[in-house]
């Protein structure tokens, strides 16, 4: 018995409506530029509102709205802290759901380095023992997919 490989033809429409697409849901959840930059801050260990505001140059109202949305989505959680002589405030840290976005953020950094002006980033993402991390597309059988053009979009039944 041979595996059936669908013949791919050019299409005028994506094979799945937006309402049924996980990628579309992800983009709606985290897809704007400020949100991605806030996630970068959190990935780098920046927890405090004022530090994010200073680093990003984002309007305070926009930062507050995006942080609230990320907390509501379960991507960030608030963690209280208090500086000496000051009132208690909330910092923001990645949840398990938020840390699961790391491969996507690493892939965006790699894509930028390869395809946008500016060259290699000074921001390195690495393991505690100093090994840089990279993304790879892996087939279900464990083999590395060398050429992303081999990927085809199909609709699963159901």
Foldseek 3Di string as FASTA:
>chain_A
DDDDDDDDDDDPDFQDDLVPDPVSVVCVLQVDDLSLLVLVCQVVVFWDLVVSCVVPVDPSVVSVVSQVSCVVVQQWPWDWDDDPPGDIDTTIHGDPNNVVCVQVSQAVQVCCQVPPPDHHDPDFDADPVPHTDHDFDADPVGDTDPDPVPDDGHDDDD
